[in-house]
Amino acid sequence: ITPIEVVHAVLDRAEQHVQDVGRGRRAFPFNQVRVHLVAAAKDKEARGRLAAVLDGPPSLAERLVERLRSAGCSAADLETEIVFARASGPDWISREYHVEFERVARAAAPAPAVDAEPAPASCVPIRLTVVKGTADQRAYVFKGGRIDIGRRAEVFDQRQRLVRTNHIAFQDEAGDNDTVSRRHAHIEYDEARGRYRVWDDHSVHGTNIIRNGRTVRVPAGARGTRLEAGDEIVLGAARLKVQFTAAPPVR
């Protein structure tokens, strides 16, 4: 089965779950679509072919939203997650892929304060520990905001203009560090949902998450992938361990 056939199969299964809710209205009862794909970690060619189709344009998420809209229902809060597996599971619908639909509770955005200074958002600090590769520090703690990750602390363009400062800077040396792009990825705190999310910044070797033994791909240019305690962020061959802590942040 080809990557585009997988995409169309996912779209068809999603449309099958559209429900009539009365008075001519239709609804898709889920806001999370998780696609499991068979592709071994060493099979970079297979993962590359899948990523080329799933990332788009249009991306899988954009295709899903468009298909559901054409079916007469809104999918504004829809999120997609791609999980790579070494082999198919016993409950998979196909030997090559499996699709799961879930309804996940989203934290509501806080109401704006009236005639008062807005209170700072309360968020748990995130601790990122270098477990593979070499960075300026072994561990970093941040609280909210944006965290840029890449090789070298400062990144310049061809005209020697500073275009980025990496908060987590892997050293510019051979080995695992050489697979980290200068502008590899970034993490942001989503105040509306109270969670951290990671984005791939169109890196050469890609960004993934290892979660409970599974590989979760972080597509480039998407809405970001949520981070959970215990995750390992894979940046090429380098890795960061994710933990949440009450320790004071260090920037």
C-alpha atoms as a PDB file:
ATOM      1  CA  ILE A   1       0.000   0.000   0.000  1.00  0.00           C
ATOM      2  CA  THR A   2       1.335   3.436  -0.924  1.00  0.00           C
ATOM      3  CA  PRO A   3       1.445   6.483   1.409  1.00  0.00           C
ATOM      4  CA  ILE A   4      -1.303   8.278  -0.535  1.00  0.00           C
ATOM      5  CA  GLU A   5      -3.500   5.164  -0.273  1.00  0.00           C
ATOM      6  CA  VAL A   6      -3.009   5.256   3.498  1.00  0.00           C
ATOM      7  CA  VAL A   7      -4.065   8.913   3.533  1.00  0.00           C
ATOM      8  CA  HIS A   8      -7.248   8.201   1.577  1.00  0.00           C
ATOM      9  CA  ALA A   9      -8.029   5.220   3.821  1.00  0.00           C
ATOM     10  CA  VAL A  10      -7.731   7.452   6.903  1.00  0.00           C
ATOM     11  CA  LEU A  11      -9.987  10.070   5.305  1.00  0.00           C
ATOM     12  CA  ASP A  12     -12.588   7.442   4.413  1.00  0.00           C
ATOM     13  CA  ARG A  13     -12.632   5.997   7.938  1.00  0.00           C
ATOM     14  CA  ALA A  14     -12.987   9.461   9.442  1.00  0.00           C
ATOM     15  CA  GLU A  15     -15.954  10.238   7.197  1.00  0.00           C
ATOM     16  CA  GLN A  16     -17.585   6.961   8.255  1.00  0.00           C
ATOM     17  CA  HIS A  17     -17.692   8.306  11.834  1.00  0.00           C
ATOM     18  CA  VAL A  18     -19.638  11.456  10.906  1.00  0.00           C
ATOM     19  CA  GLN A  19     -22.987  11.394  12.723  1.00  0.00           C
ATOM     20  CA  ASP A  20     -26.362  13.023  12.101  1.00  0.00           C
ATOM     21  CA  VAL A  21     -27.300  15.081  15.176  1.00  0.00           C
ATOM     22  CA  GLY A  22     -30.732  16.251  14.061  1.00  0.00           C
ATOM     23  CA  ARG A  23     -32.240  19.227  12.229  1.00  0.00           C
ATOM     24  CA  GLY A  24     -30.022  18.604   9.252  1.00  0.00           C
ATOM     25  CA  ARG A  25     -26.819  18.964  11.239  1.00  0.00           C
ATOM     26  CA  ARG A  26     -23.861  16.601  11.196  1.00  0.00           C
ATOM     27  CA  ALA A  27     -20.939  16.228  13.602  1.00  0.00           C
ATOM     28  CA  PHE A  28     -17.620  14.426  13.920  1.00  0.00           C
ATOM     29  CA  PRO A  29     -17.543  13.259  17.570  1.00  0.00           C
ATOM     30  CA  PHE A  30     -13.748  13.151  17.911  1.00  0.00           C
ATOM     31  CA  ASN A  31     -10.978  15.743  18.094  1.00  0.00           C
ATOM     32  CA  GLN A  32      -7.930  13.450  18.071  1.00  0.00           C
ATOM     33  CA  VAL A  33      -6.915  11.194  15.171  1.00  0.00           C
ATOM     34  CA  ARG A  34      -3.954   8.892  15.779  1.00  0.00           C
ATOM     35  CA  VAL A  35      -2.460   7.043  12.814  1.00  0.00           C
ATOM     36  CA  HIS A  36      -0.143   4.075  13.446  1.00  0.00           C
ATOM     37  CA  LEU A  37       2.231   3.174  10.610  1.00  0.00           C
ATOM     38  CA  VAL A  38       4.666   0.297  10.151  1.00  0.00           C
ATOM     39  CA  ALA A  39       8.148   1.725   9.580  1.00  0.00           C
ATOM     40  CA  ALA A  40      11.228   0.573  11.451  1.00  0.00           C
ATOM     41  CA  ALA A  41      13.453   3.238  12.994  1.00  0.00           C
ATOM     42  CA  LYS A  42      16.314   2.282  10.659  1.00  0.00           C
ATOM     43  CA  ASP A  43      14.142   2.455   7.538  1.00  0.00           C
ATOM     44  CA  LYS A  44      14.656   6.163   6.881  1.00  0.00           C
ATOM     45  CA  GLU A  45      13.618   5.813   3.237  1.00  0.00           C
ATOM     46  CA  ALA A  46      10.174   4.447   4.146  1.00  0.00           C
ATOM     47  CA  ARG A  47       9.664   7.125   6.789  1.00  0.00           C
ATOM     48  CA  GLY A  48      10.752   9.782   4.333  1.00  0.00           C
ATOM     49  CA  ARG A  49       8.175   8.652   1.761  1.00  0.00           C
ATOM     50  CA  LEU A  50       5.436   8.682   4.389  1.00  0.00           C
ATOM     51  CA  ALA A  51       6.481  12.084   5.720  1.00  0.00           C
ATOM     52  CA  ALA A  52       6.492  13.604   2.230  1.00  0.00           C
ATOM     53  CA  VAL A  53       2.798  12.746   1.823  1.00  0.00           C
ATOM     54  CA  LEU A  54       1.607  13.245   5.414  1.00  0.00           C
ATOM     55  CA  ASP A  55       3.320  16.625   5.843  1.00  0.00           C
ATOM     56  CA  GLY A  56       1.990  17.897   2.527  1.00  0.00           C
ATOM     57  CA  PRO A  57       1.055  20.375   1.498  1.00  0.00           C
ATOM     58  CA  PRO A  58      -1.701  19.677   2.123  1.00  0.00           C
ATOM     59  CA  SER A  59      -0.949  17.917   5.419  1.00  0.00           C
ATOM     60  CA  LEU A  60      -2.992  15.003   6.731  1.00  0.00           C
ATOM     61  CA  ALA A  61      -4.675  17.322   9.248  1.00  0.00           C
ATOM     62  CA  GLU A  62      -5.626  19.766   6.486  1.00  0.00           C
ATOM     63  CA  ARG A  63      -6.982  16.939   4.348  1.00  0.00           C
ATOM     64  CA  LEU A  64      -9.068  15.664   7.276  1.00  0.00           C
ATOM     65  CA  VAL A  65     -10.536  19.083   8.005  1.00  0.00           C
ATOM     66  CA  GLU A  66     -11.440  19.555   4.340  1.00  0.00           C
ATOM     67  CA  ARG A  67     -13.019  16.086   4.057  1.00  0.00           C
ATOM     68  CA  LEU A  68     -15.107  16.602   7.193  1.00  0.00           C
ATOM     69  CA  ARG A  69     -16.216  20.046   6.036  1.00  0.00           C
ATOM     70  CA  SER A  70     -17.314  18.574   2.722  1.00  0.00           C
ATOM     71  CA  ALA A  71     -19.293  16.023   4.746  1.00  0.00           C
ATOM     72  CA  GLY A  72     -21.136  18.874   6.461  1.00  0.00           C
ATOM     73  CA  CYS A  73     -19.432  19.149   9.840  1.00  0.00           C
ATOM     74  CA  SER A  74     -16.826  21.337  11.522  1.00  0.00           C
ATOM     75  CA  ALA A  75     -13.460  20.051  12.736  1.00  0.00           C
ATOM     76  CA  ALA A  76     -11.801  23.210  14.017  1.00  0.00           C
ATOM     77  CA  ASP A  77     -10.309  21.526  17.107  1.00  0.00           C
ATOM     78  CA  LEU A  78      -8.977  18.463  15.295  1.00  0.00           C
ATOM     79  CA  GLU A  79      -5.448  17.259  16.031  1.00  0.00           C
ATOM     80  CA  THR A  80      -3.519  14.452  14.349  1.00  0.00           C
ATOM     81  CA  GLU A  81      -0.725  12.269  15.688  1.00  0.00           C
ATOM     82  CA  ILE A  82       1.512   9.939  13.686  1.00  0.00           C
ATOM     83  CA  VAL A  83       3.026   6.936  15.489  1.00  0.00           C
ATOM     84  CA  PHE A  84       5.609   4.654  13.901  1.00  0.00           C
ATOM     85  CA  ALA A  85       5.760   0.991  14.932  1.00  0.00           C
ATOM     86  CA  ARG A  86       8.121  -1.857  14.079  1.00  0.00           C
ATOM     87  CA  ALA A  87       5.245  -4.232  13.341  1.00  0.00           C
ATOM     88  CA  SER A  88       1.453  -4.190  13.201  1.00  0.00           C
ATOM     89  CA  GLY A  89      -0.596  -4.838  16.327  1.00  0.00           C
ATOM     90  CA  PRO A  90      -3.137  -7.647  16.771  1.00  0.00           C
ATOM     91  CA  ASP A  91      -6.087  -5.238  16.631  1.00  0.00           C
ATOM     92  CA  TRP A  92      -4.949  -3.259  13.582  1.00  0.00           C
ATOM     93  CA  ILE A  93      -7.327  -2.841  10.664  1.00  0.00           C
ATOM     94  CA  SER A  94      -4.453  -3.441   8.229  1.00  0.00           C
ATOM     95  CA  ARG A  95      -0.949  -4.861   8.311  1.00  0.00           C
ATOM     96  CA  GLU A  96       0.418  -1.498   7.172  1.00  0.00           C
ATOM     97  CA  TYR A  97      -1.563   0.983   9.278  1.00  0.00           C
ATOM     98  CA  HIS A  98      -4.151   1.513  12.007  1.00  0.00           C
ATOM     99  CA  VAL A  99      -6.366   4.492  12.886  1.00  0.00           C
ATOM    100  CA  GLU A 100      -7.678   5.493  16.321  1.00  0.00           C
ATOM    101  CA  PHE A 101     -10.263   8.179  17.021  1.00  0.00           C
ATOM    102  CA  GLU A 102     -10.572   9.794  20.444  1.00  0.00           C
ATOM    103  CA  ARG A 103     -12.379  12.613  22.182  1.00  0.00           C
ATOM    104  CA  VAL A 104      -9.815  14.418  24.346  1.00  0.00           C
ATOM    105  CA  ALA A 105     -10.767  17.083  26.873  1.00  0.00           C
ATOM    106  CA  ARG A 106      -9.271  20.456  26.005  1.00  0.00           C
ATOM    107  CA  ALA A 107      -8.598  23.033  28.681  1.00  0.00           C
ATOM    108  CA  ALA A 108     -10.707  26.120  28.063  1.00  0.00           C
ATOM    109  CA  ALA A 109      -8.927  29.413  27.508  1.00  0.00           C
ATOM    110  CA  PRO A 110      -9.109  31.641  30.612  1.00  0.00           C
ATOM    111  CA  ALA A 111     -11.621  34.495  30.465  1.00  0.00           C
ATOM    112  CA  PRO A 112      -9.984  37.926  30.151  1.00  0.00           C
ATOM    113  CA  ALA A 113      -9.894  40.022  33.311  1.00  0.00           C
ATOM    114  CA  VAL A 114     -12.141  43.096  33.415  1.00  0.00           C
ATOM    115  CA  ASP A 115     -10.698  46.404  34.685  1.00  0.00           C
ATOM    116  CA  ALA A 116      -7.704  44.613  36.123  1.00  0.00           C
ATOM    117  CA  GLU A 117      -4.181  43.706  35.155  1.00  0.00           C
ATOM    118  CA  PRO A 118      -4.100  40.209  33.666  1.00  0.00           C
ATOM    119  CA  ALA A 119      -2.580  37.650  36.013  1.00  0.00           C
ATOM    120  CA  PRO A 120       0.451  35.774  34.693  1.00  0.00           C
ATOM    121  CA  ALA A 121      -0.331  32.304  33.383  1.00  0.00           C
ATOM    122  CA  SER A 122       0.526  29.549  35.833  1.00  0.00           C
ATOM    123  CA  CYS A 123       2.542  26.792  34.245  1.00  0.00           C
ATOM    124  CA  VAL A 124       4.755  23.984  35.429  1.00  0.00           C
ATOM    125  CA  PRO A 125       8.457  24.379  34.586  1.00  0.00           C
ATOM    126  CA  ILE A 126       9.844  21.920  32.065  1.00  0.00           C
ATOM    127  CA  ARG A 127      13.191  20.199  32.613  1.00  0.00           C
ATOM    128  CA  LEU A 128      15.096  19.052  29.522  1.00  0.00           C
ATOM    129  CA  THR A 129      18.084  16.768  30.073  1.00  0.00           C
ATOM    130  CA  VAL A 130      20.585  15.918  27.339  1.00  0.00           C
ATOM    131  CA  VAL A 131      20.795  12.112  27.228  1.00  0.00           C
ATOM    132  CA  LYS A 132      22.529  11.822  23.850  1.00  0.00           C
ATOM    133  CA  GLY A 133      24.774  14.397  22.247  1.00  0.00           C
ATOM    134  CA  THR A 134      26.682  17.278  23.823  1.00  0.00           C
ATOM    135  CA  ALA A 135      25.216  20.688  24.639  1.00  0.00           C
ATOM    136  CA  ASP A 136      26.410  23.727  26.571  1.00  0.00           C
ATOM    137  CA  GLN A 137      24.680  22.302  29.665  1.00  0.00           C
ATOM    138  CA  ARG A 138      23.579  18.814  30.649  1.00  0.00           C
ATOM    139  CA  ALA A 139      20.163  19.958  31.898  1.00  0.00           C
ATOM    140  CA  TYR A 140      17.949  22.989  31.349  1.00  0.00           C
ATOM    141  CA  VAL A 141      14.846  24.229  33.169  1.00  0.00           C
ATOM    142  CA  PHE A 142      12.419  26.671  31.557  1.00  0.00           C
ATOM    143  CA  LYS A 143       9.047  28.089  32.527  1.00  0.00           C
ATOM    144  CA  GLY A 144       6.698  28.882  29.668  1.00  0.00           C
ATOM    145  CA  GLY A 145       7.583  30.891  26.600  1.00  0.00           C
ATOM    146  CA  ARG A 146       9.442  29.627  23.554  1.00  0.00           C
ATOM    147  CA  ILE A 147      12.512  27.380  23.684  1.00  0.00           C
ATOM    148  CA  ASP A 148      14.653  27.203  20.536  1.00  0.00           C
ATOM    149  CA  ILE A 149      16.782  24.085  20.023  1.00  0.00           C
ATOM    150  CA  GLY A 150      19.607  23.611  17.552  1.00  0.00           C
ATOM    151  CA  ARG A 151      23.329  23.373  16.875  1.00  0.00           C
ATOM    152  CA  ARG A 152      25.361  26.435  17.943  1.00  0.00           C
ATOM    153  CA  ALA A 153      24.148  29.101  20.339  1.00  0.00           C
ATOM    154  CA  GLU A 154      23.874  31.758  17.632  1.00  0.00           C
ATOM    155  CA  VAL A 155      22.743  31.198  14.048  1.00  0.00           C
ATOM    156  CA  PHE A 156      23.646  33.623  11.253  1.00  0.00           C
ATOM    157  CA  ASP A 157      22.384  33.836   7.688  1.00  0.00           C
ATOM    158  CA  GLN A 158      24.577  34.105   4.568  1.00  0.00           C
ATOM    159  CA  ARG A 159      24.959  37.837   5.127  1.00  0.00           C
ATOM    160  CA  GLN A 160      26.177  37.216   8.686  1.00  0.00           C
ATOM    161  CA  ARG A 161      23.011  38.576  10.281  1.00  0.00           C
ATOM    162  CA  LEU A 162      21.895  36.991  13.541  1.00  0.00           C
ATOM    163  CA  VAL A 163      18.649  35.133  12.795  1.00  0.00           C
ATOM    164  CA  ARG A 164      18.266  32.912  15.856  1.00  0.00           C
ATOM    165  CA  THR A 165      19.593  32.282  19.355  1.00  0.00           C
ATOM    166  CA  ASN A 166      19.213  28.704  20.558  1.00  0.00           C
ATOM    167  CA  HIS A 167      18.290  28.294  24.222  1.00  0.00           C
ATOM    168  CA  ILE A 168      19.464  24.673  24.047  1.00  0.00           C
ATOM    169  CA  ALA A 169      22.603  24.751  21.917  1.00  0.00           C
ATOM    170  CA  PHE A 170      24.292  21.521  20.885  1.00  0.00           C
ATOM    171  CA  GLN A 171      27.998  21.937  20.267  1.00  0.00           C
ATOM    172  CA  ASP A 172      29.229  22.190  16.696  1.00  0.00           C
ATOM    173  CA  GLU A 173      31.146  18.914  16.525  1.00  0.00           C
ATOM    174  CA  ALA A 174      31.077  15.585  14.694  1.00  0.00           C
ATOM    175  CA  GLY A 175      29.053  12.587  15.847  1.00  0.00           C
ATOM    176  CA  ASP A 176      25.510  12.806  17.208  1.00  0.00           C
ATOM    177  CA  ASN A 177      25.652  16.607  17.270  1.00  0.00           C
ATOM    178  CA  ASP A 178      26.306  16.726  13.533  1.00  0.00           C
ATOM    179  CA  THR A 179      22.750  15.431  12.914  1.00  0.00           C
ATOM    180  CA  VAL A 180      21.214  18.410  14.756  1.00  0.00           C
ATOM    181  CA  SER A 181      20.309  21.276  12.429  1.00  0.00           C
ATOM    182  CA  ARG A 182      21.208  24.825  13.423  1.00  0.00           C
ATOM    183  CA  ARG A 183      17.487  25.621  13.525  1.00  0.00           C
ATOM    184  CA  HIS A 184      16.217  22.167  14.408  1.00  0.00           C
ATOM    185  CA  ALA A 185      13.111  22.494  16.609  1.00  0.00           C
ATOM    186  CA  HIS A 186      11.388  24.604  19.214  1.00  0.00           C
ATOM    187  CA  ILE A 187       9.084  24.127  22.205  1.00  0.00           C
ATOM    188  CA  GLU A 188       6.308  26.494  23.225  1.00  0.00           C
ATOM    189  CA  TYR A 189       3.960  26.607  26.180  1.00  0.00           C
ATOM    190  CA  ASP A 190       0.309  26.579  25.122  1.00  0.00           C
ATOM    191  CA  GLU A 191      -1.385  28.765  27.741  1.00  0.00           C
ATOM    192  CA  ALA A 192      -4.896  27.992  26.492  1.00  0.00           C
ATOM    193  CA  ARG A 193      -4.442  24.244  27.000  1.00  0.00           C
ATOM    194  CA  GLY A 194      -1.861  24.279  29.763  1.00  0.00           C
ATOM    195  CA  ARG A 195       0.743  22.120  28.040  1.00  0.00           C
ATOM    196  CA  TYR A 196       4.065  22.245  26.239  1.00  0.00           C
ATOM    197  CA  ARG A 197       4.253  21.419  22.541  1.00  0.00           C
ATOM    198  CA  VAL A 198       7.207  20.754  20.253  1.00  0.00           C
ATOM    199  CA  TRP A 199       7.581  21.787  16.600  1.00  0.00           C
ATOM    200  CA  ASP A 200      10.102  20.655  14.005  1.00  0.00           C
ATOM    201  CA  ASP A 201      11.616  23.659  12.226  1.00  0.00           C
ATOM    202  CA  HIS A 202      12.162  21.895   8.881  1.00  0.00           C
ATOM    203  CA  SER A 203      15.309  20.179  10.144  1.00  0.00           C
ATOM    204  CA  VAL A 204      17.394  17.931   7.883  1.00  0.00           C
ATOM    205  CA  HIS A 205      17.148  14.759   9.974  1.00  0.00           C
ATOM    206  CA  GLY A 206      13.722  15.339  11.508  1.00  0.00           C
ATOM    207  CA  THR A 207      12.273  15.380  15.017  1.00  0.00           C
ATOM    208  CA  ASN A 208      10.547  12.500  16.793  1.00  0.00           C
ATOM    209  CA  ILE A 209       9.299  11.631  20.262  1.00  0.00           C
ATOM    210  CA  ILE A 210       9.938   8.307  21.985  1.00  0.00           C
ATOM    211  CA  ARG A 211       6.933   7.690  24.265  1.00  0.00           C
ATOM    212  CA  ASN A 212       6.442   4.403  26.115  1.00  0.00           C
ATOM    213  CA  GLY A 213       8.563   2.603  23.538  1.00  0.00           C
ATOM    214  CA  ARG A 214       6.679   4.079  20.572  1.00  0.00           C
ATOM    215  CA  THR A 215       7.958   6.579  18.032  1.00  0.00           C
ATOM    216  CA  VAL A 216       5.761   9.651  17.529  1.00  0.00           C
ATOM    217  CA  ARG A 217       6.770  11.741  14.532  1.00  0.00           C
ATOM    218  CA  VAL A 218       6.784  15.514  14.864  1.00  0.00           C
ATOM    219  CA  PRO A 219       5.832  16.844  11.404  1.00  0.00           C
ATOM    220  CA  ALA A 220       7.382  20.063  10.154  1.00  0.00           C
ATOM    221  CA  GLY A 221       5.192  23.135  10.014  1.00  0.00           C
ATOM    222  CA  ALA A 222       2.247  21.523  11.813  1.00  0.00           C
ATOM    223  CA  ARG A 223       0.397  22.557  14.967  1.00  0.00           C
ATOM    224  CA  GLY A 224       3.032  21.040  17.192  1.00  0.00           C
ATOM    225  CA  THR A 225       2.972  17.814  19.191  1.00  0.00           C
ATOM    226  CA  ARG A 226       2.172  17.807  22.905  1.00  0.00           C
ATOM    227  CA  LEU A 227       4.874  16.715  25.328  1.00  0.00           C
ATOM    228  CA  GLU A 228       4.352  14.349  28.237  1.00  0.00           C
ATOM    229  CA  ALA A 229       6.538  13.538  31.227  1.00  0.00           C
ATOM    230  CA  GLY A 230       9.038  10.822  30.343  1.00  0.00           C
ATOM    231  CA  ASP A 231       9.136  11.651  26.625  1.00  0.00           C
ATOM    232  CA  GLU A 232      12.454  11.649  24.806  1.00  0.00           C
ATOM    233  CA  ILE A 233      12.737  14.240  22.041  1.00  0.00           C
ATOM    234  CA  VAL A 234      14.854  12.816  19.219  1.00  0.00           C
ATOM    235  CA  LEU A 235      16.716  15.494  17.247  1.00  0.00           C
ATOM    236  CA  GLY A 236      18.525  13.627  14.497  1.00  0.00           C
ATOM    237  CA  ALA A 237      20.667  11.331  16.668  1.00  0.00           C
ATOM    238  CA  ALA A 238      20.671  13.588  19.757  1.00  0.00           C
ATOM    239  CA  ARG A 239      18.073  13.231  22.509  1.00  0.00           C
ATOM    240  CA  LEU A 240      16.457  15.277  25.269  1.00  0.00           C
ATOM    241  CA  LYS A 241      14.558  13.781  28.221  1.00  0.00           C
ATOM    242  CA  VAL A 242      11.372  15.624  29.232  1.00  0.00           C
ATOM    243  CA  GLN A 243      10.393  16.079  32.873  1.00  0.00           C
ATOM    244  CA  PHE A 244       8.162  18.538  34.674  1.00  0.00           C
ATOM    245  CA  THR A 245       9.399  20.063  37.910  1.00  0.00           C
ATOM    246  CA  ALA A 246       8.529  22.641  40.539  1.00  0.00           C
ATOM    247  CA  ALA A 247      12.112  23.910  40.554  1.00  0.00           C
ATOM    248  CA  PRO A 248      12.670  27.603  39.709  1.00  0.00           C
ATOM    249  CA  PRO A 249      13.268  28.212  36.018  1.00  0.00           C
ATOM    250  CA  VAL A 250      16.688  28.933  34.566  1.00  0.00           C
ATOM    251  CA  ARG A 251      16.839  30.931  31.325  1.00  0.00           C
END
